[in-house]
Amino acid sequence: MKKIVIGLLTVILAASCLFGCGSKKESTEDTSLSDVQKKGEIVLGLDASFPPMGFTDEDQEIVGFDIDLAKEVAKRMDVELKLQPINWDSKEQELDTGNIDCIWNGLTYSKDRAEVMLCSEPYMENHQVLVVPANSKIKSLDDIKDKSVGVQEGSTAADAVDQTDELKDAEIVLLPDNVQILNDLGNGCDAAVMDEVVARYYTEKDEGKYKVLDADLATEDYVIGFRKDDKALCKEVEDQLKDMAEDGTLAKISEKWFGEDITTIK
């Protein structure tokens, strides 16, 4: 009888392991790419006030360099691109809850972000710079002491400010987006720290209104953010970008927005 019972227990345990292991394997399977292909669309989360990467134009259309890249990638993947404006300070939550499939809008790589999301290969280099009104007496970081500095909440510009000794005594004003920061520049804020691509865009667009100082607070890389386990989707997007770099499409889009090819992915 003991032998029969032991034999039955052995069979039950083996069966449990077999089915349990099978369930575990199924639950960890990466279906990120096939899920996007099945629903026929990829949902891109963005801060829709981040020119020239992604922003709302005068016709209330979301346009920009990153948007053009994403449209071409989606076309080559044979899926539709859905643009989903989000609160930038809650971007990780939007990604984790499945509201979006990726974050693609001037997203700067950082170690903290790499811990909570899967980051693609860098496709562009960026710098954090200091912007002031054109008539400002501020000439360098040394003139910032006791001044008010606007910065976007939840951005790597805020991280750069925290790591810059010259800004330790400045009054840091956290605002939701760069458009509001620039609106407050000279009317509440004495200076601002933001991505160079944004700063250069506005100094050219509103000539004579702002100036970018020769102060590089940080050098960074732009990446695309995915859920940690969505490696298949991330690789597919990377592969499409590499094909675009090889056939010249990436350079063409870059020249449209920046006058030259400043992309780095190969």
C-alpha atoms as a PDB file:
ATOM      1  CA  MET A   1       0.000   0.000   0.000  1.00  0.00           C
ATOM      2  CA  LYS A   2       2.848   2.420   0.903  1.00  0.00           C
ATOM      3  CA  LYS A   3       4.471   1.796  -2.451  1.00  0.00           C
ATOM      4  CA  ILE A   4       1.192   2.519  -4.250  1.00  0.00           C
ATOM      5  CA  VAL A   5       0.659   5.763  -2.325  1.00  0.00           C
ATOM      6  CA  ILE A   6       4.244   6.865  -2.917  1.00  0.00           C
ATOM      7  CA  GLY A   7       3.871   6.021  -6.589  1.00  0.00           C
ATOM      8  CA  LEU A   8       0.672   8.037  -6.869  1.00  0.00           C
ATOM      9  CA  LEU A   9       2.277  11.020  -5.109  1.00  0.00           C
ATOM     10  CA  THR A  10       5.220  10.857  -7.474  1.00  0.00           C
ATOM     11  CA  VAL A  11       2.897  10.907 -10.488  1.00  0.00           C
ATOM     12  CA  ILE A  12       0.897  13.841  -9.044  1.00  0.00           C
ATOM     13  CA  LEU A  13       4.043  15.857  -8.289  1.00  0.00           C
ATOM     14  CA  ALA A  14       5.441  15.190 -11.746  1.00  0.00           C
ATOM     15  CA  ALA A  15       2.159  16.270 -13.325  1.00  0.00           C
ATOM     16  CA  SER A  16       2.057  19.407 -11.183  1.00  0.00           C
ATOM     17  CA  CYS A  17       5.583  20.310 -12.208  1.00  0.00           C
ATOM     18  CA  LEU A  18       4.784  19.657 -15.848  1.00  0.00           C
ATOM     19  CA  PHE A  19       1.677  21.837 -15.921  1.00  0.00           C
ATOM     20  CA  GLY A  20       3.135  24.421 -13.548  1.00  0.00           C
ATOM     21  CA  CYS A  21       6.285  24.817 -15.607  1.00  0.00           C
ATOM     22  CA  GLY A  22       4.203  25.065 -18.744  1.00  0.00           C
ATOM     23  CA  SER A  23       2.075  27.843 -17.234  1.00  0.00           C
ATOM     24  CA  LYS A  24       5.151  29.728 -16.090  1.00  0.00           C
ATOM     25  CA  LYS A  25       6.712  29.531 -19.536  1.00  0.00           C
ATOM     26  CA  GLU A  26       3.505  30.785 -21.107  1.00  0.00           C
ATOM     27  CA  SER A  27       3.222  33.715 -18.680  1.00  0.00           C
ATOM     28  CA  THR A  28       6.772  34.943 -19.436  1.00  0.00           C
ATOM     29  CA  GLU A  29       6.472  34.653 -23.211  1.00  0.00           C
ATOM     30  CA  ASP A  30       7.178  37.951 -24.961  1.00  0.00           C
ATOM     31  CA  THR A  31       4.146  38.703 -27.139  1.00  0.00           C
ATOM     32  CA  SER A  32       4.760  42.459 -27.344  1.00  0.00           C
ATOM     33  CA  LEU A  33       5.371  42.527 -31.094  1.00  0.00           C
ATOM     34  CA  SER A  34       2.596  40.080 -31.991  1.00  0.00           C
ATOM     35  CA  ASP A  35       0.162  41.991 -29.740  1.00  0.00           C
ATOM     36  CA  VAL A  36       0.845  45.205 -31.657  1.00  0.00           C
ATOM     37  CA  GLN A  37       0.536  43.388 -34.979  1.00  0.00           C
ATOM     38  CA  LYS A  38      -2.767  41.771 -33.954  1.00  0.00           C
ATOM     39  CA  LYS A  39      -4.400  45.035 -32.870  1.00  0.00           C
ATOM     40  CA  GLY A  40      -2.954  46.756 -35.941  1.00  0.00           C
ATOM     41  CA  GLU A  41      -1.621  49.810 -34.138  1.00  0.00           C
ATOM     42  CA  ILE A  42       1.182  51.010 -31.919  1.00  0.00           C
ATOM     43  CA  VAL A  43       0.289  53.612 -29.274  1.00  0.00           C
ATOM     44  CA  LEU A  44       2.936  56.279 -28.771  1.00  0.00           C
ATOM     45  CA  GLY A  45       2.900  58.292 -25.547  1.00  0.00           C
ATOM     46  CA  LEU A  46       4.257  61.827 -25.695  1.00  0.00           C
ATOM     47  CA  ASP A  47       4.366  65.292 -24.206  1.00  0.00           C
ATOM     48  CA  ALA A  48       2.568  67.158 -27.003  1.00  0.00           C
ATOM     49  CA  SER A  49       4.362  70.423 -26.187  1.00  0.00           C
ATOM     50  CA  PHE A  50       7.956  69.427 -26.888  1.00  0.00           C
ATOM     51  CA  PRO A  51       8.998  70.974 -30.208  1.00  0.00           C
ATOM     52  CA  PRO A  52      10.602  70.063 -32.472  1.00  0.00           C
ATOM     53  CA  MET A  53      10.401  66.426 -31.314  1.00  0.00           C
ATOM     54  CA  GLY A  54       6.628  66.208 -30.860  1.00  0.00           C
ATOM     55  CA  PHE A  55       4.191  69.088 -30.439  1.00  0.00           C
ATOM     56  CA  THR A  56       0.777  70.465 -31.377  1.00  0.00           C
ATOM     57  CA  ASP A  57       0.929  72.930 -34.272  1.00  0.00           C
ATOM     58  CA  GLU A  58      -1.396  75.826 -35.132  1.00  0.00           C
ATOM     59  CA  ASP A  59      -3.803  73.432 -36.854  1.00  0.00           C
ATOM     60  CA  GLN A  60      -3.987  71.323 -33.661  1.00  0.00           C
ATOM     61  CA  GLU A  61      -2.098  68.501 -35.358  1.00  0.00           C
ATOM     62  CA  ILE A  62       0.659  66.672 -33.492  1.00  0.00           C
ATOM     63  CA  VAL A  63       3.830  66.965 -35.560  1.00  0.00           C
ATOM     64  CA  GLY A  64       7.579  66.819 -35.043  1.00  0.00           C
ATOM     65  CA  PHE A  65      10.806  64.973 -35.744  1.00  0.00           C
ATOM     66  CA  ASP A  66       9.991  62.002 -33.505  1.00  0.00           C
ATOM     67  CA  ILE A  67       6.483  61.871 -34.939  1.00  0.00           C
ATOM     68  CA  ASP A  68       7.826  61.613 -38.493  1.00  0.00           C
ATOM     69  CA  LEU A  69      10.210  58.856 -37.393  1.00  0.00           C
ATOM     70  CA  ALA A  70       7.429  56.936 -35.650  1.00  0.00           C
ATOM     71  CA  LYS A  71       5.072  57.288 -38.629  1.00  0.00           C
ATOM     72  CA  GLU A  72       7.666  55.789 -40.952  1.00  0.00           C
ATOM     73  CA  VAL A  73       8.454  52.952 -38.529  1.00  0.00           C
ATOM     74  CA  ALA A  74       4.746  52.145 -38.114  1.00  0.00           C
ATOM     75  CA  LYS A  75       4.289  52.174 -41.897  1.00  0.00           C
ATOM     76  CA  ARG A  76       7.133  49.703 -42.334  1.00  0.00           C
ATOM     77  CA  MET A  77       5.671  47.517 -39.579  1.00  0.00           C
ATOM     78  CA  ASP A  78       2.316  47.634 -41.410  1.00  0.00           C
ATOM     79  CA  VAL A  79       0.460  49.038 -38.389  1.00  0.00           C
ATOM     80  CA  GLU A  80      -1.253  52.331 -37.615  1.00  0.00           C
ATOM     81  CA  LEU A  81       0.378  54.919 -35.359  1.00  0.00           C
ATOM     82  CA  LYS A  82      -1.796  56.259 -32.546  1.00  0.00           C
ATOM     83  CA  LEU A  83      -0.513  59.378 -30.778  1.00  0.00           C
ATOM     84  CA  GLN A  84      -1.457  59.593 -27.106  1.00  0.00           C
ATOM     85  CA  PRO A  85      -0.588  62.824 -25.244  1.00  0.00           C
ATOM     86  CA  ILE A  86       0.270  62.078 -21.602  1.00  0.00           C
ATOM     87  CA  ASN A  87       1.331  63.825 -18.429  1.00  0.00           C
ATOM     88  CA  TRP A  88       5.117  63.569 -18.718  1.00  0.00           C
ATOM     89  CA  ASP A  89       5.529  63.244 -14.973  1.00  0.00           C
ATOM     90  CA  SER A  90       3.354  60.071 -15.088  1.00  0.00           C
ATOM     91  CA  LYS A  91       4.896  58.492 -18.186  1.00  0.00           C
ATOM     92  CA  GLU A  92       6.144  55.358 -16.425  1.00  0.00           C
ATOM     93  CA  GLN A  93       2.668  54.657 -15.030  1.00  0.00           C
ATOM     94  CA  GLU A  94       1.086  55.170 -18.477  1.00  0.00           C
ATOM     95  CA  LEU A  95       3.510  52.595 -19.870  1.00  0.00           C
ATOM     96  CA  ASP A  96       3.121  50.045 -17.069  1.00  0.00           C
ATOM     97  CA  THR A  97      -0.682  50.122 -17.151  1.00  0.00           C
ATOM     98  CA  GLY A  98      -0.719  49.419 -20.891  1.00  0.00           C
ATOM     99  CA  ASN A  99      -2.257  52.761 -21.898  1.00  0.00           C
ATOM    100  CA  ILE A 100       0.643  53.229 -24.314  1.00  0.00           C
ATOM    101  CA  ASP A 101       3.086  50.868 -26.047  1.00  0.00           C
ATOM    102  CA  CYS A 102       6.103  53.158 -25.974  1.00  0.00           C
ATOM    103  CA  ILE A 103       7.364  56.589 -24.935  1.00  0.00           C
ATOM    104  CA  TRP A 104       8.876  58.323 -27.945  1.00  0.00           C
ATOM    105  CA  ASN A 105       9.283  62.063 -27.604  1.00  0.00           C
ATOM    106  CA  GLY A 106      12.727  63.349 -26.685  1.00  0.00           C
ATOM    107  CA  LEU A 107      13.064  60.738 -23.938  1.00  0.00           C
ATOM    108  CA  THR A 108      16.528  61.025 -22.416  1.00  0.00           C
ATOM    109  CA  TYR A 109      18.324  57.912 -21.202  1.00  0.00           C
ATOM    110  CA  SER A 110      19.129  57.731 -17.494  1.00  0.00           C
ATOM    111  CA  LYS A 111      20.047  54.910 -15.128  1.00  0.00           C
ATOM    112  CA  ASP A 112      16.867  55.518 -13.131  1.00  0.00           C
ATOM    113  CA  ARG A 113      14.725  55.195 -16.239  1.00  0.00           C
ATOM    114  CA  ALA A 114      16.578  52.087 -17.363  1.00  0.00           C
ATOM    115  CA  GLU A 115      15.564  50.446 -14.088  1.00  0.00           C
ATOM    116  CA  VAL A 116      11.830  50.911 -14.729  1.00  0.00           C
ATOM    117  CA  MET A 117      11.638  50.645 -18.527  1.00  0.00           C
ATOM    118  CA  LEU A 118      13.406  49.031 -21.461  1.00  0.00           C
ATOM    119  CA  CYS A 119      15.375  51.679 -23.348  1.00  0.00           C
ATOM    120  CA  SER A 120      16.186  51.369 -27.035  1.00  0.00           C
ATOM    121  CA  GLU A 121      19.559  52.115 -28.556  1.00  0.00           C
ATOM    122  CA  PRO A 122      20.223  55.893 -28.634  1.00  0.00           C
ATOM    123  CA  TYR A 123      19.239  57.593 -31.882  1.00  0.00           C
ATOM    124  CA  MET A 124      20.252  61.202 -31.131  1.00  0.00           C
ATOM    125  CA  GLU A 125      22.518  63.158 -28.803  1.00  0.00           C
ATOM    126  CA  ASN A 126      21.167  66.041 -26.731  1.00  0.00           C
ATOM    127  CA  HIS A 127      22.435  68.664 -24.287  1.00  0.00           C
ATOM    128  CA  GLN A 128      20.824  70.455 -21.368  1.00  0.00           C
ATOM    129  CA  VAL A 129      21.312  74.198 -21.789  1.00  0.00           C
ATOM    130  CA  LEU A 130      20.517  77.466 -20.063  1.00  0.00           C
ATOM    131  CA  VAL A 131      18.016  79.797 -21.740  1.00  0.00           C
ATOM    132  CA  VAL A 132      17.363  83.439 -20.793  1.00  0.00           C
ATOM    133  CA  PRO A 133      15.407  86.366 -22.258  1.00  0.00           C
ATOM    134  CA  ALA A 134      17.321  88.091 -25.058  1.00  0.00           C
ATOM    135  CA  ASN A 135      17.712  91.269 -22.980  1.00  0.00           C
ATOM    136  CA  SER A 136      18.812  89.448 -19.816  1.00  0.00           C
ATOM    137  CA  LYS A 137      21.951  90.521 -17.955  1.00  0.00           C
ATOM    138  CA  ILE A 138      22.652  86.869 -17.156  1.00  0.00           C
ATOM    139  CA  LYS A 139      25.732  85.859 -19.136  1.00  0.00           C
ATOM    140  CA  SER A 140      26.681  82.533 -17.591  1.00  0.00           C
ATOM    141  CA  LEU A 141      25.896  80.045 -14.831  1.00  0.00           C
ATOM    142  CA  ASP A 142      27.884  82.227 -12.439  1.00  0.00           C
ATOM    143  CA  ASP A 143      25.157  84.900 -12.680  1.00  0.00           C
ATOM    144  CA  ILE A 144      22.337  82.531 -11.649  1.00  0.00           C
ATOM    145  CA  LYS A 145      22.806  82.713  -7.874  1.00  0.00           C
ATOM    146  CA  ASP A 146      19.535  83.697  -6.139  1.00  0.00           C
ATOM    147  CA  LYS A 147      17.723  83.787  -9.518  1.00  0.00           C
ATOM    148  CA  SER A 148      14.596  81.782 -10.402  1.00  0.00           C
ATOM    149  CA  VAL A 149      15.051  78.945 -12.901  1.00  0.00           C
ATOM    150  CA  GLY A 150      12.171  77.207 -14.674  1.00  0.00           C
ATOM    151  CA  VAL A 151      12.442  73.489 -15.420  1.00  0.00           C
ATOM    152  CA  GLN A 152      10.019  70.757 -16.504  1.00  0.00           C
ATOM    153  CA  GLU A 153       8.896  68.474 -13.708  1.00  0.00           C
ATOM    154  CA  GLY A 154       9.929  64.841 -14.145  1.00  0.00           C
ATOM    155  CA  SER A 155      12.508  65.687 -16.814  1.00  0.00           C
ATOM    156  CA  THR A 156      16.240  65.055 -17.026  1.00  0.00           C
ATOM    157  CA  ALA A 157      16.601  68.841 -17.131  1.00  0.00           C
ATOM    158  CA  ALA A 158      15.500  68.738 -13.492  1.00  0.00           C
ATOM    159  CA  ASP A 159      18.168  66.087 -12.845  1.00  0.00           C
ATOM    160  CA  ALA A 160      20.798  68.278 -14.505  1.00  0.00           C
ATOM    161  CA  VAL A 161      19.772  71.209 -12.314  1.00  0.00           C
ATOM    162  CA  ASP A 162      20.157  69.068  -9.176  1.00  0.00           C
ATOM    163  CA  GLN A 163      23.678  68.126 -10.232  1.00  0.00           C
ATOM    164  CA  THR A 164      24.873  71.629 -11.139  1.00  0.00           C
ATOM    165  CA  ASP A 165      26.702  73.394  -8.288  1.00  0.00           C
ATOM    166  CA  GLU A 166      26.064  76.878  -9.693  1.00  0.00           C
ATOM    167  CA  LEU A 167      22.306  76.301  -9.337  1.00  0.00           C
ATOM    168  CA  LYS A 168      22.357  75.163  -5.681  1.00  0.00           C
ATOM    169  CA  ASP A 169      21.248  78.592  -4.443  1.00  0.00           C
ATOM    170  CA  ALA A 170      18.817  79.292  -7.280  1.00  0.00           C
ATOM    171  CA  GLU A 171      15.049  79.147  -6.862  1.00  0.00           C
ATOM    172  CA  ILE A 172      13.923  76.168  -8.951  1.00  0.00           C
ATOM    173  CA  VAL A 173      10.409  76.521 -10.380  1.00  0.00           C
ATOM    174  CA  LEU A 174       8.924  73.200 -11.540  1.00  0.00           C
ATOM    175  CA  LEU A 175       6.431  73.529 -14.396  1.00  0.00           C
ATOM    176  CA  PRO A 176       4.517  70.938 -16.472  1.00  0.00           C
ATOM    177  CA  ASP A 177       6.000  71.692 -19.915  1.00  0.00           C
ATOM    178  CA  ASN A 178       8.522  73.794 -21.815  1.00  0.00           C
ATOM    179  CA  VAL A 179       5.900  75.991 -23.452  1.00  0.00           C
ATOM    180  CA  GLN A 180       4.784  77.280 -20.056  1.00  0.00           C
ATOM    181  CA  ILE A 181       8.399  77.639 -18.964  1.00  0.00           C
ATOM    182  CA  LEU A 182       9.186  79.869 -21.942  1.00  0.00           C
ATOM    183  CA  ASN A 183       5.989  81.856 -21.416  1.00  0.00           C
ATOM    184  CA  ASP A 184       7.149  82.530 -17.852  1.00  0.00           C
ATOM    185  CA  LEU A 185      10.686  83.402 -18.914  1.00  0.00           C
ATOM    186  CA  GLY A 186      11.161  87.048 -18.044  1.00  0.00           C
ATOM    187  CA  ASN A 187       7.712  87.071 -16.390  1.00  0.00           C
ATOM    188  CA  GLY A 188       8.325  85.023 -13.280  1.00  0.00           C
ATOM    189  CA  CYS A 189      11.437  83.056 -14.167  1.00  0.00           C
ATOM    190  CA  ASP A 190      14.828  84.625 -14.797  1.00  0.00           C
ATOM    191  CA  ALA A 191      16.199  81.634 -16.686  1.00  0.00           C
ATOM    192  CA  ALA A 192      15.310  78.109 -17.785  1.00  0.00           C
ATOM    193  CA  VAL A 193      17.051  74.788 -18.243  1.00  0.00           C
ATOM    194  CA  MET A 194      15.831  72.579 -21.096  1.00  0.00           C
ATOM    195  CA  ASP A 195      16.848  70.314 -23.963  1.00  0.00           C
ATOM    196  CA  GLU A 196      19.013  72.089 -26.522  1.00  0.00           C
ATOM    197  CA  VAL A 197      16.837  70.942 -29.456  1.00  0.00           C
ATOM    198  CA  VAL A 198      13.837  72.666 -27.865  1.00  0.00           C
ATOM    199  CA  ALA A 199      15.792  75.794 -26.974  1.00  0.00           C
ATOM    200  CA  ARG A 200      17.280  76.151 -30.460  1.00  0.00           C
ATOM    201  CA  TYR A 201      13.872  75.640 -32.055  1.00  0.00           C
ATOM    202  CA  TYR A 202      12.305  78.493 -30.083  1.00  0.00           C
ATOM    203  CA  THR A 203      15.232  80.898 -30.443  1.00  0.00           C
ATOM    204  CA  GLU A 204      14.963  80.490 -34.224  1.00  0.00           C
ATOM    205  CA  LYS A 205      11.150  80.544 -34.255  1.00  0.00           C
ATOM    206  CA  ASP A 206      10.892  83.640 -32.016  1.00  0.00           C
ATOM    207  CA  GLU A 207      14.009  85.444 -33.145  1.00  0.00           C
ATOM    208  CA  GLY A 208      15.185  88.120 -30.742  1.00  0.00           C
ATOM    209  CA  LYS A 209      13.101  86.843 -27.818  1.00  0.00           C
ATOM    210  CA  TYR A 210      15.407  84.256 -26.199  1.00  0.00           C
ATOM    211  CA  LYS A 211      19.060  83.345 -26.189  1.00  0.00           C
ATOM    212  CA  VAL A 212      20.859  80.108 -25.391  1.00  0.00           C
ATOM    213  CA  LEU A 213      23.913  80.599 -23.217  1.00  0.00           C
ATOM    214  CA  ASP A 214      27.169  78.766 -23.760  1.00  0.00           C
ATOM    215  CA  ALA A 215      26.611  76.452 -20.796  1.00  0.00           C
ATOM    216  CA  ASP A 216      26.337  72.691 -21.357  1.00  0.00           C
ATOM    217  CA  LEU A 217      24.886  71.302 -18.110  1.00  0.00           C
ATOM    218  CA  ALA A 218      24.726  67.713 -19.330  1.00  0.00           C
ATOM    219  CA  THR A 219      25.201  65.617 -22.475  1.00  0.00           C
ATOM    220  CA  GLU A 220      22.548  62.962 -23.000  1.00  0.00           C
ATOM    221  CA  ASP A 221      21.135  60.431 -25.444  1.00  0.00           C
ATOM    222  CA  TYR A 222      17.580  60.245 -26.746  1.00  0.00           C
ATOM    223  CA  VAL A 223      16.012  56.765 -26.602  1.00  0.00           C
ATOM    224  CA  ILE A 224      12.585  55.123 -26.947  1.00  0.00           C
ATOM    225  CA  GLY A 225      11.044  53.632 -23.811  1.00  0.00           C
ATOM    226  CA  PHE A 226       9.183  50.302 -23.684  1.00  0.00           C
ATOM    227  CA  ARG A 227       7.901  48.019 -20.930  1.00  0.00           C
ATOM    228  CA  LYS A 228      10.744  46.029 -19.375  1.00  0.00           C
ATOM    229  CA  ASP A 229       9.664  42.705 -20.928  1.00  0.00           C
ATOM    230  CA  ASP A 230       8.752  44.066 -24.378  1.00  0.00           C
ATOM    231  CA  LYS A 231      12.071  43.122 -25.980  1.00  0.00           C
ATOM    232  CA  ALA A 232      10.550  41.878 -29.246  1.00  0.00           C
ATOM    233  CA  LEU A 233       8.739  45.164 -29.911  1.00  0.00           C
ATOM    234  CA  CYS A 234      11.812  47.186 -28.966  1.00  0.00           C
ATOM    235  CA  LYS A 235      14.037  45.192 -31.327  1.00  0.00           C
ATOM    236  CA  GLU A 236      11.578  45.518 -34.199  1.00  0.00           C
ATOM    237  CA  VAL A 237      11.514  49.320 -33.840  1.00  0.00           C
ATOM    238  CA  GLU A 238      15.317  49.431 -33.588  1.00  0.00           C
ATOM    239  CA  ASP A 239      15.678  47.266 -36.705  1.00  0.00           C
ATOM    240  CA  GLN A 240      13.326  49.540 -38.650  1.00  0.00           C
ATOM    241  CA  LEU A 241      15.305  52.625 -37.585  1.00  0.00           C
ATOM    242  CA  LYS A 242      18.561  50.955 -38.657  1.00  0.00           C
ATOM    243  CA  ASP A 243      17.041  50.162 -42.060  1.00  0.00           C
ATOM    244  CA  MET A 244      15.943  53.817 -42.311  1.00  0.00           C
ATOM    245  CA  ALA A 245      19.480  54.938 -41.473  1.00  0.00           C
ATOM    246  CA  GLU A 246      20.884  52.652 -44.164  1.00  0.00           C
ATOM    247  CA  ASP A 247      18.516  53.766 -46.936  1.00  0.00           C
ATOM    248  CA  GLY A 248      18.813  57.480 -46.095  1.00  0.00           C
ATOM    249  CA  THR A 249      15.276  58.005 -44.763  1.00  0.00           C
ATOM    250  CA  LEU A 250      16.521  58.870 -41.270  1.00  0.00           C
ATOM    251  CA  ALA A 251      18.891  61.530 -42.620  1.00  0.00           C
ATOM    252  CA  LYS A 252      16.122  62.984 -44.806  1.00  0.00           C
ATOM    253  CA  ILE A 253      13.763  63.409 -41.835  1.00  0.00           C
ATOM    254  CA  SER A 254      16.555  64.912 -39.720  1.00  0.00           C
ATOM    255  CA  GLU A 255      17.444  67.412 -42.449  1.00  0.00           C
ATOM    256  CA  LYS A 256      13.787  68.450 -42.636  1.00  0.00           C
ATOM    257  CA  TRP A 257      13.729  69.436 -38.950  1.00  0.00           C
ATOM    258  CA  PHE A 258      17.338  70.381 -38.179  1.00  0.00           C
ATOM    259  CA  GLY A 259      18.911  71.253 -41.524  1.00  0.00           C
ATOM    260  CA  GLU A 260      21.412  68.394 -41.138  1.00  0.00           C
ATOM    261  CA  ASP A 261      21.627  64.757 -40.121  1.00  0.00           C
ATOM    262  CA  ILE A 262      22.184  64.730 -36.357  1.00  0.00           C
ATOM    263  CA  THR A 263      20.995  61.160 -35.765  1.00  0.00           C
ATOM    264  CA  THR A 264      23.378  58.636 -34.237  1.00  0.00           C
ATOM    265  CA  ILE A 265      21.819  55.204 -34.832  1.00  0.00           C
ATOM    266  CA  LYS A 266      23.587  53.047 -37.416  1.00  0.00           C
END
